[in-house]
Amino acid sequence: MRKILLSGGLVAVLAIMVVGCLKDEDFEDQQYGLQVPAVNGVSFPEKLQSPVTKGIVAQSSAQDVTGPLLSLNTASAPSSPVTVNLATDDALVTAEGLELMPAGSYSINSLNITIPAGEITSDALKITIPNANSLDPTKKYGIGFKIASVDQGYTVAKNLSTMVIAFAIKNPYEGTYEAVGYLYHPSAPRDVHEDKEVLTVNATTSQVFLGDLGTAGYVAWFQVDPATNAVTITAAPGAAGAPYTMFTTGLPTSNPGYTPAWAGSAECNNTYDPATKTFKVRYGYLGGTGWRVTEEILTLK
């Protein structure tokens, strides 16, 4: 999982942005925000981007996700700790059109967050997903949070008091890959070298473009056997050129026959290497004048 670290400069920018929101001309009409500009406040500075999506891997082992960032909107950092009491709110999730995280599918370390003396932000709230395989990878889930109260005389910024953390389930293979290889074609053979997005279908299956033909609708599904790392390749639903055929032991020898045209050909045996996060594939489809076959080595960037 990636963790975003906030530099001092970015924290300052967030504080300025939030203070700017609180001092908007409309708070005098009590439309939102603090009622008195000089009053110290607490807020979710990421509210403007809510829901904030966190990618989680489809795996059975536990993984932690950083929850919403909290920020004190004050001219100077506090001299003593400030405790912010949060609560979850399901209505915020449904309002965003997201699925509620099922009961038992997550835990929160604490809804009472302390911002230490001398600090103005905290990312101490952690959400633990014990087994993401229990979630449906075709759905996007969410948890809604609201600031319930704060001590030390701080006031809740009404317009920045709620936000939603969303969860998108991705399998271990999702990401941007560098693809190198060769497309064998009866009349237009050519090198393949491009960046490709490998997208989650389910816990073991990913979607990827065939050769350099993805924009023409040639889309494959790669299913990895976690026990053997063998890759089973099929055409994605509705893909052009379906069905797709795997050539695991070598190139087709007829209709027409092909011989290796690049240095990596022998490696393309339809497997996945988890150590290097690399797919090595050889597959294709039968066109009107014979086989079109792509050999590719796709390495996670």
C-alpha atoms as a PDB file:
ATOM      1  CA  MET A   1       0.000   0.000   0.000  1.00  0.00           C
ATOM      2  CA  ARG A   2       1.209   3.504  -0.702  1.00  0.00           C
ATOM      3  CA  LYS A   3       1.224   6.048   2.103  1.00  0.00           C
ATOM      4  CA  ILE A   4       1.046   9.751   1.364  1.00  0.00           C
ATOM      5  CA  LEU A   5       3.461  11.706   3.506  1.00  0.00           C
ATOM      6  CA  LEU A   6       2.640  15.364   3.983  1.00  0.00           C
ATOM      7  CA  SER A   7       5.558  17.761   3.929  1.00  0.00           C
ATOM      8  CA  GLY A   8       5.514  20.839   6.099  1.00  0.00           C
ATOM      9  CA  GLY A   9       4.859  22.972   3.021  1.00  0.00           C
ATOM     10  CA  LEU A  10       1.843  20.928   2.004  1.00  0.00           C
ATOM     11  CA  VAL A  11       0.460  21.002   5.537  1.00  0.00           C
ATOM     12  CA  ALA A  12       0.746  24.770   5.472  1.00  0.00           C
ATOM     13  CA  VAL A  13      -1.048  24.925   2.140  1.00  0.00           C
ATOM     14  CA  LEU A  14      -3.854  22.729   3.515  1.00  0.00           C
ATOM     15  CA  ALA A  15      -4.194  24.992   6.517  1.00  0.00           C
ATOM     16  CA  ILE A  16      -4.345  28.091   4.306  1.00  0.00           C
ATOM     17  CA  MET A  17      -6.933  26.445   2.048  1.00  0.00           C
ATOM     18  CA  VAL A  18      -9.122  25.529   5.010  1.00  0.00           C
ATOM     19  CA  VAL A  19      -8.797  28.944   6.651  1.00  0.00           C
ATOM     20  CA  GLY A  20      -9.731  30.463   3.313  1.00  0.00           C
ATOM     21  CA  CYS A  21     -12.865  28.333   3.240  1.00  0.00           C
ATOM     22  CA  LEU A  22     -13.756  29.313   6.780  1.00  0.00           C
ATOM     23  CA  LYS A  23     -13.399  33.015   5.980  1.00  0.00           C
ATOM     24  CA  ASP A  24     -15.654  32.865   2.956  1.00  0.00           C
ATOM     25  CA  GLU A  25     -18.126  35.748   2.867  1.00  0.00           C
ATOM     26  CA  ASP A  26     -21.101  33.407   3.254  1.00  0.00           C
ATOM     27  CA  PHE A  27     -20.365  32.301   6.816  1.00  0.00           C
ATOM     28  CA  GLU A  28     -21.872  35.560   8.030  1.00  0.00           C
ATOM     29  CA  ASP A  29     -25.147  34.309   6.572  1.00  0.00           C
ATOM     30  CA  GLN A  30     -24.594  31.032   8.508  1.00  0.00           C
ATOM     31  CA  GLN A  31     -24.609  29.060   5.270  1.00  0.00           C
ATOM     32  CA  TYR A  32     -21.554  27.101   6.341  1.00  0.00           C
ATOM     33  CA  GLY A  33     -18.256  27.216   8.203  1.00  0.00           C
ATOM     34  CA  LEU A  34     -17.364  28.868  11.460  1.00  0.00           C
ATOM     35  CA  GLN A  35     -19.513  31.758  12.532  1.00  0.00           C
ATOM     36  CA  VAL A  36     -16.617  33.822  13.902  1.00  0.00           C
ATOM     37  CA  PRO A  37     -13.499  34.104  11.718  1.00  0.00           C
ATOM     38  CA  ALA A  38     -11.102  34.376  14.650  1.00  0.00           C
ATOM     39  CA  VAL A  39     -12.291  31.178  16.370  1.00  0.00           C
ATOM     40  CA  ASN A  40      -9.965  28.178  16.147  1.00  0.00           C
ATOM     41  CA  GLY A  41     -11.477  25.261  14.282  1.00  0.00           C
ATOM     42  CA  VAL A  42     -10.992  21.620  13.327  1.00  0.00           C
ATOM     43  CA  SER A  43     -11.834  20.106   9.973  1.00  0.00           C
ATOM     44  CA  PHE A  44     -11.290  17.405   7.381  1.00  0.00           C
ATOM     45  CA  PRO A  45      -9.076  19.263   4.858  1.00  0.00           C
ATOM     46  CA  GLU A  46      -9.662  16.502   2.257  1.00  0.00           C
ATOM     47  CA  LYS A  47     -13.415  17.176   2.312  1.00  0.00           C
ATOM     48  CA  LEU A  48     -13.093  19.041  -0.993  1.00  0.00           C
ATOM     49  CA  GLN A  49     -11.988  15.766  -2.640  1.00  0.00           C
ATOM     50  CA  SER A  50     -14.430  13.494  -0.779  1.00  0.00           C
ATOM     51  CA  PRO A  51     -14.878  10.614  -1.304  1.00  0.00           C
ATOM     52  CA  VAL A  52     -11.153   9.883  -1.117  1.00  0.00           C
ATOM     53  CA  THR A  53     -10.486   6.458  -2.643  1.00  0.00           C
ATOM     54  CA  LYS A  54      -8.045   3.985  -1.109  1.00  0.00           C
ATOM     55  CA  GLY A  55      -6.954   0.999  -3.161  1.00  0.00           C
ATOM     56  CA  ILE A  56      -6.799  -2.300  -1.296  1.00  0.00           C
ATOM     57  CA  VAL A  57      -5.471  -5.633  -2.513  1.00  0.00           C
ATOM     58  CA  ALA A  58      -7.715  -8.697  -2.796  1.00  0.00           C
ATOM     59  CA  GLN A  59      -5.930 -10.807  -0.185  1.00  0.00           C
ATOM     60  CA  SER A  60      -6.805 -12.786   2.931  1.00  0.00           C
ATOM     61  CA  SER A  61      -4.157 -11.187   5.160  1.00  0.00           C
ATOM     62  CA  ALA A  62      -4.896  -7.961   7.022  1.00  0.00           C
ATOM     63  CA  GLN A  63      -3.989  -4.585   5.565  1.00  0.00           C
ATOM     64  CA  ASP A  64      -4.138  -1.109   7.087  1.00  0.00           C
ATOM     65  CA  VAL A  65      -5.434   2.016   5.377  1.00  0.00           C
ATOM     66  CA  THR A  66      -4.939   5.578   6.592  1.00  0.00           C
ATOM     67  CA  GLY A  67      -8.249   7.215   7.432  1.00  0.00           C
ATOM     68  CA  PRO A  68      -9.247  10.855   6.956  1.00  0.00           C
ATOM     69  CA  LEU A  69      -6.728  13.569   7.731  1.00  0.00           C
ATOM     70  CA  LEU A  70      -7.667  15.980  10.507  1.00  0.00           C
ATOM     71  CA  SER A  71      -6.463  19.573  10.614  1.00  0.00           C
ATOM     72  CA  LEU A  72      -6.578  22.379  13.153  1.00  0.00           C
ATOM     73  CA  ASN A  73      -7.362  25.757  11.611  1.00  0.00           C
ATOM     74  CA  THR A  74      -5.450  28.058  13.872  1.00  0.00           C
ATOM     75  CA  ALA A  75      -2.899  30.840  13.689  1.00  0.00           C
ATOM     76  CA  SER A  76      -0.407  28.762  15.696  1.00  0.00           C
ATOM     77  CA  ALA A  77       0.020  25.153  16.761  1.00  0.00           C
ATOM     78  CA  PRO A  78      -1.575  24.308  20.134  1.00  0.00           C
ATOM     79  CA  SER A  79       0.560  24.181  23.268  1.00  0.00           C
ATOM     80  CA  SER A  80      -1.363  21.158  24.586  1.00  0.00           C
ATOM     81  CA  PRO A  81      -2.951  18.128  22.871  1.00  0.00           C
ATOM     82  CA  VAL A  82      -6.338  18.510  21.199  1.00  0.00           C
ATOM     83  CA  THR A  83      -8.741  15.553  21.175  1.00  0.00           C
ATOM     84  CA  VAL A  84     -11.190  15.235  18.295  1.00  0.00           C
ATOM     85  CA  ASN A  85     -14.118  12.834  18.660  1.00  0.00           C
ATOM     86  CA  LEU A  86     -15.330  11.264  15.428  1.00  0.00           C
ATOM     87  CA  ALA A  87     -18.344   9.150  14.531  1.00  0.00           C
ATOM     88  CA  THR A  88     -19.250   7.022  11.526  1.00  0.00           C
ATOM     89  CA  ASP A  89     -22.244   7.989   9.389  1.00  0.00           C
ATOM     90  CA  ASP A  90     -23.766   5.508   6.895  1.00  0.00           C
ATOM     91  CA  ALA A  91     -25.935   8.193   5.277  1.00  0.00           C
ATOM     92  CA  LEU A  92     -22.820   9.907   3.932  1.00  0.00           C
ATOM     93  CA  VAL A  93     -21.868   6.708   2.082  1.00  0.00           C
ATOM     94  CA  THR A  94     -25.241   6.063   0.492  1.00  0.00           C
ATOM     95  CA  ALA A  95     -25.444   9.713  -0.558  1.00  0.00           C
ATOM     96  CA  GLU A  96     -22.302   9.115  -2.636  1.00  0.00           C
ATOM     97  CA  GLY A  97     -23.829   6.033  -4.286  1.00  0.00           C
ATOM     98  CA  LEU A  98     -21.355   3.679  -2.595  1.00  0.00           C
ATOM     99  CA  GLU A  99     -21.873   0.350  -0.871  1.00  0.00           C
ATOM    100  CA  LEU A 100     -21.619   0.258   2.909  1.00  0.00           C
ATOM    101  CA  MET A 101     -18.688  -1.767   4.197  1.00  0.00           C
ATOM    102  CA  PRO A 102     -20.254  -4.983   5.559  1.00  0.00           C
ATOM    103  CA  ALA A 103     -20.240  -5.566   9.306  1.00  0.00           C
ATOM    104  CA  GLY A 104     -17.070  -7.352  10.352  1.00  0.00           C
ATOM    105  CA  SER A 105     -15.191  -6.451   7.158  1.00  0.00           C
ATOM    106  CA  TYR A 106     -13.192  -3.654   8.795  1.00  0.00           C
ATOM    107  CA  SER A 107     -12.146  -2.204  12.123  1.00  0.00           C
ATOM    108  CA  ILE A 108     -11.064   1.294  13.203  1.00  0.00           C
ATOM    109  CA  ASN A 109      -8.268   1.756  15.718  1.00  0.00           C
ATOM    110  CA  SER A 110     -10.047   4.637  17.463  1.00  0.00           C
ATOM    111  CA  LEU A 111     -12.617   7.335  16.779  1.00  0.00           C
ATOM    112  CA  ASN A 112     -11.013   9.579  19.398  1.00  0.00           C
ATOM    113  CA  ILE A 113      -7.996  11.186  17.740  1.00  0.00           C
ATOM    114  CA  THR A 114      -5.445  13.266  19.601  1.00  0.00           C
ATOM    115  CA  ILE A 115      -3.564  15.948  17.719  1.00  0.00           C
ATOM    116  CA  PRO A 116      -0.319  16.348  19.673  1.00  0.00           C
ATOM    117  CA  ALA A 117       0.874  19.628  21.094  1.00  0.00           C
ATOM    118  CA  GLY A 118       2.881  21.533  18.534  1.00  0.00           C
ATOM    119  CA  GLU A 119       1.106  19.866  15.602  1.00  0.00           C
ATOM    120  CA  ILE A 120      -1.806  21.011  13.455  1.00  0.00           C
ATOM    121  CA  THR A 121      -2.607  17.781  11.578  1.00  0.00           C
ATOM    122  CA  SER A 122      -3.101  14.097  12.359  1.00  0.00           C
ATOM    123  CA  ASP A 123      -3.462  10.978  10.236  1.00  0.00           C
ATOM    124  CA  ALA A 124      -3.643   8.712  13.287  1.00  0.00           C
ATOM    125  CA  LEU A 125      -6.953   7.104  12.334  1.00  0.00           C
ATOM    126  CA  LYS A 126      -6.301   3.677  10.808  1.00  0.00           C
ATOM    127  CA  ILE A 127      -8.774   1.357   9.124  1.00  0.00           C
ATOM    128  CA  THR A 128      -7.882  -2.348   9.114  1.00  0.00           C
ATOM    129  CA  ILE A 129      -9.299  -4.681   6.461  1.00  0.00           C
ATOM    130  CA  PRO A 130      -8.771  -8.198   7.865  1.00  0.00           C
ATOM    131  CA  ASN A 131      -9.719 -10.105   4.704  1.00  0.00           C
ATOM    132  CA  ALA A 132     -10.405  -8.170   1.505  1.00  0.00           C
ATOM    133  CA  ASN A 133     -11.328 -11.416  -0.271  1.00  0.00           C
ATOM    134  CA  SER A 134     -14.651 -11.198   1.568  1.00  0.00           C
ATOM    135  CA  LEU A 135     -15.526  -8.069  -0.431  1.00  0.00           C
ATOM    136  CA  ASP A 136     -17.000  -8.001  -3.935  1.00  0.00           C
ATOM    137  CA  PRO A 137     -14.295  -6.623  -6.295  1.00  0.00           C
ATOM    138  CA  THR A 138     -16.982  -5.315  -8.667  1.00  0.00           C
ATOM    139  CA  LYS A 139     -18.311  -2.928  -6.000  1.00  0.00           C
ATOM    140  CA  LYS A 140     -16.954   0.270  -4.483  1.00  0.00           C
ATOM    141  CA  TYR A 141     -17.403   0.526  -0.732  1.00  0.00           C
ATOM    142  CA  GLY A 142     -17.248   3.427   1.673  1.00  0.00           C
ATOM    143  CA  ILE A 143     -17.141   4.519   5.306  1.00  0.00           C
ATOM    144  CA  GLY A 144     -18.537   7.905   6.276  1.00  0.00           C
ATOM    145  CA  PHE A 145     -16.987   9.994   9.044  1.00  0.00           C
ATOM    146  CA  LYS A 146     -18.120  13.119  10.843  1.00  0.00           C
ATOM    147  CA  ILE A 147     -16.511  15.275  13.499  1.00  0.00           C
ATOM    148  CA  ALA A 148     -18.739  14.973  16.566  1.00  0.00           C
ATOM    149  CA  SER A 149     -16.867  17.213  18.999  1.00  0.00           C
ATOM    150  CA  VAL A 150     -13.493  18.696  19.896  1.00  0.00           C
ATOM    151  CA  ASP A 151     -11.975  19.941  23.141  1.00  0.00           C
ATOM    152  CA  GLN A 152      -9.645  22.817  24.092  1.00  0.00           C
ATOM    153  CA  GLY A 153     -12.191  25.394  22.933  1.00  0.00           C
ATOM    154  CA  TYR A 154     -11.932  24.506  19.231  1.00  0.00           C
ATOM    155  CA  THR A 155     -15.018  24.682  17.024  1.00  0.00           C
ATOM    156  CA  VAL A 156     -16.074  22.196  14.348  1.00  0.00           C
ATOM    157  CA  ALA A 157     -15.936  23.706  10.861  1.00  0.00           C
ATOM    158  CA  LYS A 158     -19.450  22.877   9.689  1.00  0.00           C
ATOM    159  CA  ASN A 159     -18.686  22.919   5.969  1.00  0.00           C
ATOM    160  CA  LEU A 160     -15.663  20.603   6.433  1.00  0.00           C
ATOM    161  CA  SER A 161     -16.993  18.333   9.178  1.00  0.00           C
ATOM    162  CA  THR A 162     -17.805  15.216   7.143  1.00  0.00           C
ATOM    163  CA  MET A 163     -16.104  13.070   4.550  1.00  0.00           C
ATOM    164  CA  VAL A 164     -16.112   9.593   3.025  1.00  0.00           C
ATOM    165  CA  ILE A 165     -13.267   7.130   2.611  1.00  0.00           C
ATOM    166  CA  ALA A 166     -13.962   4.850  -0.365  1.00  0.00           C
ATOM    167  CA  PHE A 167     -12.389   1.454  -1.045  1.00  0.00           C
ATOM    168  CA  ALA A 168     -11.664  -0.005  -4.467  1.00  0.00           C
ATOM    169  CA  ILE A 169     -10.609  -3.653  -4.450  1.00  0.00           C
ATOM    170  CA  LYS A 170      -7.679  -4.428  -6.675  1.00  0.00           C
ATOM    171  CA  ASN A 171      -5.937  -7.729  -7.182  1.00  0.00           C
ATOM    172  CA  PRO A 172      -2.158  -8.089  -6.728  1.00  0.00           C
ATOM    173  CA  TYR A 173      -1.558  -7.783 -10.480  1.00  0.00           C
ATOM    174  CA  GLU A 174      -3.167  -4.394 -11.130  1.00  0.00           C
ATOM    175  CA  GLY A 175      -0.869  -1.605 -12.266  1.00  0.00           C
ATOM    176  CA  THR A 176       0.998  -0.037 -15.165  1.00  0.00           C
ATOM    177  CA  TYR A 177       3.300  -2.419 -17.035  1.00  0.00           C
ATOM    178  CA  GLU A 178       5.952  -1.962 -19.667  1.00  0.00           C
ATOM    179  CA  ALA A 179       5.160  -4.420 -22.474  1.00  0.00           C
ATOM    180  CA  VAL A 180       7.859  -5.503 -24.928  1.00  0.00           C
ATOM    181  CA  GLY A 181       7.468  -8.187 -27.561  1.00  0.00           C
ATOM    182  CA  TYR A 182       6.422  -8.959 -31.079  1.00  0.00           C
ATOM    183  CA  LEU A 183       3.148  -9.278 -32.955  1.00  0.00           C
ATOM    184  CA  TYR A 184       3.288 -12.005 -35.600  1.00  0.00           C
ATOM    185  CA  HIS A 185       0.958 -11.240 -38.503  1.00  0.00           C
ATOM    186  CA  PRO A 186       0.717 -12.663 -42.022  1.00  0.00           C
ATOM    187  CA  SER A 187       1.131  -9.267 -43.677  1.00  0.00           C
ATOM    188  CA  ALA A 188       1.990  -6.726 -40.960  1.00  0.00           C
ATOM    189  CA  PRO A 189       4.406  -8.205 -38.387  1.00  0.00           C
ATOM    190  CA  ARG A 190       5.815  -5.655 -35.942  1.00  0.00           C
ATOM    191  CA  ASP A 191       7.479  -4.973 -32.612  1.00  0.00           C
ATOM    192  CA  VAL A 192       5.370  -4.283 -29.538  1.00  0.00           C
ATOM    193  CA  HIS A 193       6.628  -1.757 -26.996  1.00  0.00           C
ATOM    194  CA  GLU A 194       4.156   0.261 -24.980  1.00  0.00           C
ATOM    195  CA  ASP A 195       2.889   0.897 -21.468  1.00  0.00           C
ATOM    196  CA  LYS A 196      -0.250  -1.038 -20.592  1.00  0.00           C
ATOM    197  CA  GLU A 197      -2.754  -0.808 -17.768  1.00  0.00           C
ATOM    198  CA  VAL A 198      -3.498  -4.179 -16.195  1.00  0.00           C
ATOM    199  CA  LEU A 199      -6.895  -3.853 -14.504  1.00  0.00           C
ATOM    200  CA  THR A 200      -8.663  -5.971 -11.905  1.00  0.00           C
ATOM    201  CA  VAL A 201     -11.463  -8.313 -12.980  1.00  0.00           C
ATOM    202  CA  ASN A 202     -11.447 -10.406  -9.801  1.00  0.00           C
ATOM    203  CA  ALA A 203      -8.954 -11.710  -7.251  1.00  0.00           C
ATOM    204  CA  THR A 204      -7.020 -13.802  -9.795  1.00  0.00           C
ATOM    205  CA  THR A 205      -8.039 -12.369 -13.171  1.00  0.00           C
ATOM    206  CA  SER A 206      -6.873  -9.181 -14.880  1.00  0.00           C
ATOM    207  CA  GLN A 207      -7.772  -7.355 -18.096  1.00  0.00           C
ATOM    208  CA  VAL A 208      -5.152  -6.247 -20.616  1.00  0.00           C
ATOM    209  CA  PHE A 209      -4.907  -5.226 -24.285  1.00  0.00           C
ATOM    210  CA  LEU A 210      -3.720  -7.777 -26.846  1.00  0.00           C
ATOM    211  CA  GLY A 211      -0.479  -6.643 -28.493  1.00  0.00           C
ATOM    212  CA  ASP A 212      -0.910  -3.110 -29.834  1.00  0.00           C
ATOM    213  CA  LEU A 213      -4.536  -3.744 -30.810  1.00  0.00           C
ATOM    214  CA  GLY A 214      -6.276  -2.661 -27.622  1.00  0.00           C
ATOM    215  CA  THR A 215      -7.781   0.481 -29.095  1.00  0.00           C
ATOM    216  CA  ALA A 216      -9.375  -1.693 -31.776  1.00  0.00           C
ATOM    217  CA  GLY A 217     -11.183  -3.767 -29.156  1.00  0.00           C
ATOM    218  CA  TYR A 218      -8.794  -6.696 -28.745  1.00  0.00           C
ATOM    219  CA  VAL A 219      -8.873  -7.263 -24.987  1.00  0.00           C
ATOM    220  CA  ALA A 220      -7.715 -10.323 -23.047  1.00  0.00           C
ATOM    221  CA  TRP A 221      -8.267 -11.695 -19.573  1.00  0.00           C
ATOM    222  CA  PHE A 222      -5.249 -13.160 -17.758  1.00  0.00           C
ATOM    223  CA  GLN A 223      -6.144 -15.601 -14.979  1.00  0.00           C
ATOM    224  CA  VAL A 224      -3.244 -16.516 -12.692  1.00  0.00           C
ATOM    225  CA  ASP A 225      -3.207 -19.813 -10.797  1.00  0.00           C
ATOM    226  CA  PRO A 226      -1.735 -18.740  -7.424  1.00  0.00           C
ATOM    227  CA  ALA A 227      -0.393 -22.251  -6.808  1.00  0.00           C
ATOM    228  CA  THR A 228       1.562 -22.645 -10.063  1.00  0.00           C
ATOM    229  CA  ASN A 229       1.658 -19.078 -11.475  1.00  0.00           C
ATOM    230  CA  ALA A 230       0.417 -20.459 -14.796  1.00  0.00           C
ATOM    231  CA  VAL A 231      -1.633 -17.930 -16.778  1.00  0.00           C
ATOM    232  CA  THR A 232      -4.849 -18.914 -18.551  1.00  0.00           C
ATOM    233  CA  ILE A 233      -5.733 -16.435 -21.294  1.00  0.00           C
ATOM    234  CA  THR A 234      -9.213 -15.900 -22.706  1.00  0.00           C
ATOM    235  CA  ALA A 235     -10.929 -13.136 -24.636  1.00  0.00           C
ATOM    236  CA  ALA A 236     -12.697 -10.543 -22.509  1.00  0.00           C
ATOM    237  CA  PRO A 237     -16.479 -10.511 -22.990  1.00  0.00           C
ATOM    238  CA  GLY A 238     -17.247  -8.809 -26.290  1.00  0.00           C
ATOM    239  CA  ALA A 239     -13.596  -8.628 -27.334  1.00  0.00           C
ATOM    240  CA  ALA A 240     -12.681  -8.444 -31.011  1.00  0.00           C
ATOM    241  CA  GLY A 241     -11.095 -11.537 -32.581  1.00  0.00           C
ATOM    242  CA  ALA A 242     -12.518 -13.976 -30.015  1.00  0.00           C
ATOM    243  CA  PRO A 243     -11.828 -16.708 -29.167  1.00  0.00           C
ATOM    244  CA  TYR A 244      -8.167 -16.365 -28.194  1.00  0.00           C
ATOM    245  CA  THR A 245      -5.764 -19.300 -28.322  1.00  0.00           C
ATOM    246  CA  MET A 246      -2.755 -19.860 -26.094  1.00  0.00           C
ATOM    247  CA  PHE A 247       0.546 -21.048 -27.603  1.00  0.00           C
ATOM    248  CA  THR A 248       2.388 -22.071 -24.471  1.00  0.00           C
ATOM    249  CA  THR A 249       5.117 -24.292 -25.895  1.00  0.00           C
ATOM    250  CA  GLY A 250       5.930 -22.394 -29.076  1.00  0.00           C
ATOM    251  CA  LEU A 251       4.663 -20.433 -32.055  1.00  0.00           C
ATOM    252  CA  PRO A 252       2.176 -22.038 -34.476  1.00  0.00           C
ATOM    253  CA  THR A 253       3.930 -23.984 -37.234  1.00  0.00           C
ATOM    254  CA  SER A 254       1.206 -23.612 -39.853  1.00  0.00           C
ATOM    255  CA  ASN A 255      -1.468 -21.231 -41.150  1.00  0.00           C
ATOM    256  CA  PRO A 256       1.086 -19.634 -41.507  1.00  0.00           C
ATOM    257  CA  GLY A 257       4.033 -20.942 -39.534  1.00  0.00           C
ATOM    258  CA  TYR A 258       6.186 -18.497 -37.564  1.00  0.00           C
ATOM    259  CA  THR A 259       9.746 -18.522 -36.248  1.00  0.00           C
ATOM    260  CA  PRO A 260      10.939 -16.392 -33.308  1.00  0.00           C
ATOM    261  CA  ALA A 261      11.537 -12.779 -34.345  1.00  0.00           C
ATOM    262  CA  TRP A 262      12.906 -11.268 -31.128  1.00  0.00           C
ATOM    263  CA  ALA A 263      15.209 -12.187 -28.243  1.00  0.00           C
ATOM    264  CA  GLY A 264      12.510 -12.763 -25.615  1.00  0.00           C
ATOM    265  CA  SER A 265      10.484 -15.288 -27.604  1.00  0.00           C
ATOM    266  CA  ALA A 266      11.615 -18.383 -25.680  1.00  0.00           C
ATOM    267  CA  GLU A 267      10.527 -16.871 -22.345  1.00  0.00           C
ATOM    268  CA  CYS A 268       6.888 -16.434 -23.396  1.00  0.00           C
ATOM    269  CA  ASN A 269       5.363 -19.563 -21.856  1.00  0.00           C
ATOM    270  CA  ASN A 270       2.166 -18.082 -20.356  1.00  0.00           C
ATOM    271  CA  THR A 271       3.355 -17.698 -16.788  1.00  0.00           C
ATOM    272  CA  TYR A 272       3.511 -14.993 -14.134  1.00  0.00           C
ATOM    273  CA  ASP A 273       6.628 -14.349 -12.059  1.00  0.00           C
ATOM    274  CA  PRO A 274       5.563 -12.933  -8.662  1.00  0.00           C
ATOM    275  CA  ALA A 275       9.164 -12.112  -7.705  1.00  0.00           C
ATOM    276  CA  THR A 276       9.619  -9.704 -10.626  1.00  0.00           C
ATOM    277  CA  LYS A 277       5.883  -9.001 -11.137  1.00  0.00           C
ATOM    278  CA  THR A 278       6.152 -10.022 -14.781  1.00  0.00           C
ATOM    279  CA  PHE A 279       3.735 -11.667 -17.209  1.00  0.00           C
ATOM    280  CA  LYS A 280       5.308 -13.725 -20.007  1.00  0.00           C
ATOM    281  CA  VAL A 281       2.624 -14.573 -22.562  1.00  0.00           C
ATOM    282  CA  ARG A 282       2.082 -15.961 -26.034  1.00  0.00           C
ATOM    283  CA  TYR A 283      -1.431 -16.063 -27.447  1.00  0.00           C
ATOM    284  CA  GLY A 284      -3.462 -14.928 -30.426  1.00  0.00           C
ATOM    285  CA  TYR A 285      -6.477 -15.353 -32.651  1.00  0.00           C
ATOM    286  CA  LEU A 286      -7.245 -16.772 -36.085  1.00  0.00           C
ATOM    287  CA  GLY A 287      -7.884 -14.107 -38.719  1.00  0.00           C
ATOM    288  CA  GLY A 288      -9.012 -14.476 -42.307  1.00  0.00           C
ATOM    289  CA  THR A 289      -5.467 -15.039 -43.586  1.00  0.00           C
ATOM    290  CA  GLY A 290      -4.077 -16.993 -40.653  1.00  0.00           C
ATOM    291  CA  TRP A 291      -2.901 -16.668 -37.078  1.00  0.00           C
ATOM    292  CA  ARG A 292      -2.142 -13.352 -35.431  1.00  0.00           C
ATOM    293  CA  VAL A 293       0.013 -14.076 -32.369  1.00  0.00           C
ATOM    294  CA  THR A 294       1.426 -11.734 -29.762  1.00  0.00           C
ATOM    295  CA  GLU A 295       4.456 -12.568 -27.641  1.00  0.00           C
ATOM    296  CA  GLU A 296       4.879 -10.166 -24.742  1.00  0.00           C
ATOM    297  CA  ILE A 297       6.814  -9.713 -21.541  1.00  0.00           C
ATOM    298  CA  LEU A 298       4.936  -7.290 -19.300  1.00  0.00           C
ATOM    299  CA  THR A 299       6.838  -5.961 -16.283  1.00  0.00           C
ATOM    300  CA  LEU A 300       5.278  -3.827 -13.560  1.00  0.00           C
ATOM    301  CA  LYS A 301       6.726  -0.302 -13.604  1.00  0.00           C
END
